[in-house]
Each structure stands twice: as C-alpha cells, then as structure tokens.
Amino acid sequence: METTYGAARIVTRLSLDMLREALVGLPDAAAEWKPLPTANSLNVLIVHSLTSSRFFLGCGAGRVLSRRQYLESDRVAAFEARGLTIAGLIAAIDAAAAEFDALLAAAPAAALAATVAWPDYPEERYTGAECVIRAIAHLREHVGQVQLMRDLWLARSAS
C-alpha cells in the first residue's frame, strides 16, 4: 500500500476512535441537544463528518463522485440528521471505520497525483492527495467539536 494511504488509514481510524470515545456514556438526549439554537447537534456533526469523509476519501482514492450530488443531497441530508441514538451514532462510526479502511487499503497509488475534477464544478480541482488531506483535516475539526459538545453536555448536566 502507498505510504500516504497507510498514514491516512491510521489518522482516520484514530479520529473515528476519538469520535466514538466522545459518545461513550452519553444519554440519547445528548444526540439531539444543541448548546445554542444556531449550533449543530451531535447527530448533525457526526453524520456530516462521516458523509464528508466518505466523499473526499473516495475522491482521493480514485473513486470520483458527483460534487453536485454531495453538496445538494448528501451534505444537505447530513445537516438535517435527527433521531439517531448514541448507539446508532457509534454503529455508524464503526461502519464508516471499516468502509474507510477498506477504501484506502485498495486505493491505487496513482490516484494521489491524479487531478480530481468534477464536471459539474469545473472551478474546483484538487489532486487525490489534496482530497485525502482535506478529508482528514475536516474530520479532525469535527472531532474537536464533538469533544466540546460532550464537555458542554456534561457541564450542563452537572449544574
């Protein structure tokens, strides 16, 4: 396996483990809770993180998907995620971990240097490596937000 994909597998797995750990022990009510009306819930943050990671890791691994489909359907649906339990979120994280691991393990090395161009968004062009890095950076950003949401939930519940 190409070393960039190997490193991406490790960091992605660690990030997903951190997401899972942030949920352990929380009640289901925490999944829908928002500290502010304009904030995102854990449901939204996690579903969006997984959806975005799936899209950009896939593109970085040579499986270029429709940018329009992602932005107008998949991403929108992620930001409307409701009703998932903590167990359901953990199951989604675990399923994504297995999916992303297999995707990166099978990715051809040539996809890293290839240009990822979407016919429906010609102004956006990245290399496969940029897509992989973008996926990892974005995922880790949301890991931090989920960890903060856990802390805020616990602080709220303790008072």
Protein backbone atom coordinates (compact mmCIF):
# COMPACT_ATOMS: atom_id res chain seq x y z
CA MET A 1 0.00 0.00 0.00
CA GLU A 2 1.22 3.51 -0.77
CA THR A 3 2.51 5.20 2.40
CA THR A 4 0.20 8.23 2.11
CA TYR A 5 -2.83 5.95 2.13
CA GLY A 6 -1.35 3.97 5.02
CA ALA A 7 -0.88 7.15 7.04
CA ALA A 8 -4.38 8.32 6.09
CA ARG A 9 -5.80 5.00 7.33
CA ILE A 10 -4.08 5.44 10.70
CA VAL A 11 -5.15 9.07 11.21
CA THR A 12 -8.69 8.39 10.00
CA ARG A 13 -9.01 5.40 12.34
CA LEU A 14 -7.65 7.43 15.29
CA SER A 15 -10.08 10.25 14.52
CA LEU A 16 -13.04 7.87 14.35
CA ASP A 17 -11.93 6.27 17.61
CA MET A 18 -11.93 9.75 19.18
CA LEU A 19 -15.46 10.37 17.86
CA ARG A 20 -16.64 7.08 19.34
CA GLU A 21 -14.96 7.78 22.69
CA ALA A 22 -16.65 11.19 22.88
CA LEU A 23 -20.04 9.47 22.72
CA VAL A 24 -19.48 6.66 25.20
CA GLY A 25 -21.59 7.08 28.31
CA LEU A 26 -23.77 9.87 26.97
CA PRO A 27 -27.56 9.51 27.13
CA ASP A 28 -29.58 9.53 23.93
CA ALA A 29 -30.87 13.02 24.74
CA ALA A 30 -27.33 14.34 24.16
CA ALA A 31 -27.51 13.32 20.48
CA GLU A 32 -30.14 15.98 19.68
CA TRP A 33 -29.05 18.63 22.18
CA LYS A 34 -27.61 21.95 20.99
CA PRO A 35 -25.98 24.47 23.32
CA LEU A 36 -27.33 27.30 21.16
CA PRO A 37 -30.18 27.44 18.64
CA THR A 38 -27.68 28.03 15.81
CA ALA A 39 -25.34 25.18 16.82
CA ASN A 40 -25.28 21.69 15.36
CA SER A 41 -26.24 18.63 17.38
CA LEU A 42 -24.06 15.57 17.80
CA ASN A 43 -26.32 13.87 15.25
CA VAL A 44 -25.53 16.51 12.65
CA LEU A 45 -21.82 16.79 13.44
CA ILE A 46 -21.22 13.07 13.24
CA VAL A 47 -23.39 12.33 10.20
CA HIS A 48 -21.84 15.28 8.35
CA SER A 49 -18.32 14.19 9.36
CA LEU A 50 -18.87 10.69 8.02
CA THR A 51 -20.59 11.89 4.84
CA SER A 52 -17.87 14.40 4.05
CA SER A 53 -15.09 11.92 4.84
CA ARG A 54 -16.72 9.32 2.61
CA PHE A 55 -16.89 11.79 -0.26
CA PHE A 56 -13.37 13.22 -0.04
CA LEU A 57 -11.59 9.97 0.88
CA GLY A 58 -13.38 8.33 -2.04
CA CYS A 59 -12.27 11.05 -4.43
CA GLY A 60 -8.72 10.83 -3.07
CA ALA A 61 -8.73 7.08 -3.59
CA GLY A 62 -9.70 7.43 -7.24
CA ARG A 63 -13.45 6.99 -6.85
CA VAL A 64 -14.58 10.39 -8.05
CA LEU A 65 -18.19 11.02 -7.15
CA SER A 66 -20.57 13.78 -8.18
CA ARG A 67 -19.74 17.01 -6.35
CA ARG A 68 -23.26 18.31 -7.03
CA GLN A 69 -24.84 15.14 -5.57
CA TYR A 70 -22.68 15.50 -2.48
CA LEU A 71 -23.37 19.22 -1.95
CA GLU A 72 -27.05 19.30 -2.85
CA SER A 73 -28.19 15.96 -1.49
CA ASP A 74 -25.78 14.09 0.79
CA ARG A 75 -24.46 17.17 2.62
CA VAL A 76 -27.92 18.71 2.99
CA ALA A 77 -29.30 15.44 4.39
CA ALA A 78 -26.43 15.25 6.88
CA PHE A 79 -27.29 18.68 8.24
CA GLU A 80 -30.87 17.52 8.73
CA ALA A 81 -29.90 14.37 10.66
CA ARG A 82 -32.30 13.74 13.52
CA GLY A 83 -33.42 10.90 15.72
CA LEU A 84 -30.26 8.84 15.95
CA THR A 85 -29.40 7.34 19.31
CA ILE A 86 -25.93 7.30 20.80
CA ALA A 87 -25.74 3.58 19.95
CA GLY A 88 -26.83 4.37 16.39
CA LEU A 89 -24.15 7.03 16.05
CA ILE A 90 -21.49 4.66 17.38
CA ALA A 91 -22.66 1.98 14.93
CA ALA A 92 -22.41 4.50 12.07
CA ILE A 93 -18.88 5.42 13.14
CA ASP A 94 -17.86 1.75 13.33
CA ALA A 95 -19.33 1.02 9.89
CA ALA A 96 -17.56 4.05 8.43
CA ALA A 97 -14.26 2.97 10.01
CA ALA A 98 -14.44 -0.39 8.25
CA GLU A 99 -15.55 1.22 4.99
CA PHE A 100 -12.82 3.88 5.01
CA ASP A 101 -10.15 1.34 5.96
CA ALA A 102 -11.08 -0.89 3.02
CA LEU A 103 -11.33 2.07 0.64
CA LEU A 104 -7.85 3.35 1.50
CA ALA A 105 -6.33 -0.14 1.52
CA ALA A 106 -7.49 -0.71 -2.05
CA ALA A 107 -6.67 2.77 -3.40
CA PRO A 108 -4.25 2.87 -6.33
CA ALA A 109 -1.10 4.95 -5.70
CA ALA A 110 -1.61 6.79 -9.00
CA ALA A 111 -4.83 8.35 -7.67
CA LEU A 112 -2.83 10.55 -5.28
CA ALA A 113 -1.23 12.55 -8.09
CA ALA A 114 -4.26 12.45 -10.37
CA THR A 115 -6.37 15.56 -10.76
CA VAL A 116 -9.82 15.22 -9.28
CA ALA A 117 -12.13 17.28 -11.44
CA TRP A 118 -15.87 17.38 -11.20
CA PRO A 119 -17.66 18.16 -14.48
CA ASP A 120 -20.48 19.79 -12.51
CA TYR A 121 -17.99 22.03 -10.58
CA PRO A 122 -15.18 22.76 -13.08
CA GLU A 123 -13.76 25.58 -10.92
CA GLU A 124 -12.85 23.10 -8.18
CA ARG A 125 -9.84 20.93 -8.93
CA TYR A 126 -7.71 19.03 -6.45
CA THR A 127 -5.21 16.23 -6.56
CA GLY A 128 -6.16 12.95 -4.95
CA ALA A 129 -3.66 13.69 -2.18
CA GLU A 130 -5.36 17.05 -1.51
CA CYS A 131 -8.71 15.27 -1.24
CA VAL A 132 -7.30 12.80 1.28
CA ILE A 133 -5.74 15.56 3.38
CA ARG A 134 -8.91 17.63 3.16
CA ALA A 135 -10.95 14.65 4.39
CA ILE A 136 -8.65 14.03 7.35
CA ALA A 137 -8.40 17.71 8.34
CA HIS A 138 -12.15 18.20 8.12
CA LEU A 139 -12.84 15.05 10.10
CA ARG A 140 -10.44 16.08 12.86
CA GLU A 141 -12.04 19.55 13.01
CA HIS A 142 -15.38 17.93 13.76
CA VAL A 143 -13.82 15.52 16.25
CA GLY A 144 -12.86 18.59 18.29
CA GLN A 145 -16.37 19.97 18.01
CA VAL A 146 -17.90 16.68 19.16
CA GLN A 147 -15.49 16.55 22.10
CA LEU A 148 -16.50 20.09 23.04
CA MET A 149 -20.18 19.19 22.74
CA ARG A 150 -19.58 16.29 25.13
CA ASP A 151 -17.90 18.64 27.61
CA LEU A 152 -20.72 21.16 27.32
CA TRP A 153 -23.35 18.43 27.80
CA LEU A 154 -21.59 17.10 30.87
CA ALA A 155 -21.13 20.60 32.32
CA ARG A 156 -24.81 21.38 31.69
CA SER A 157 -25.89 18.13 33.27
CA ALA A 158 -23.67 18.66 36.33
CA SER A 159 -25.18 22.02 37.23
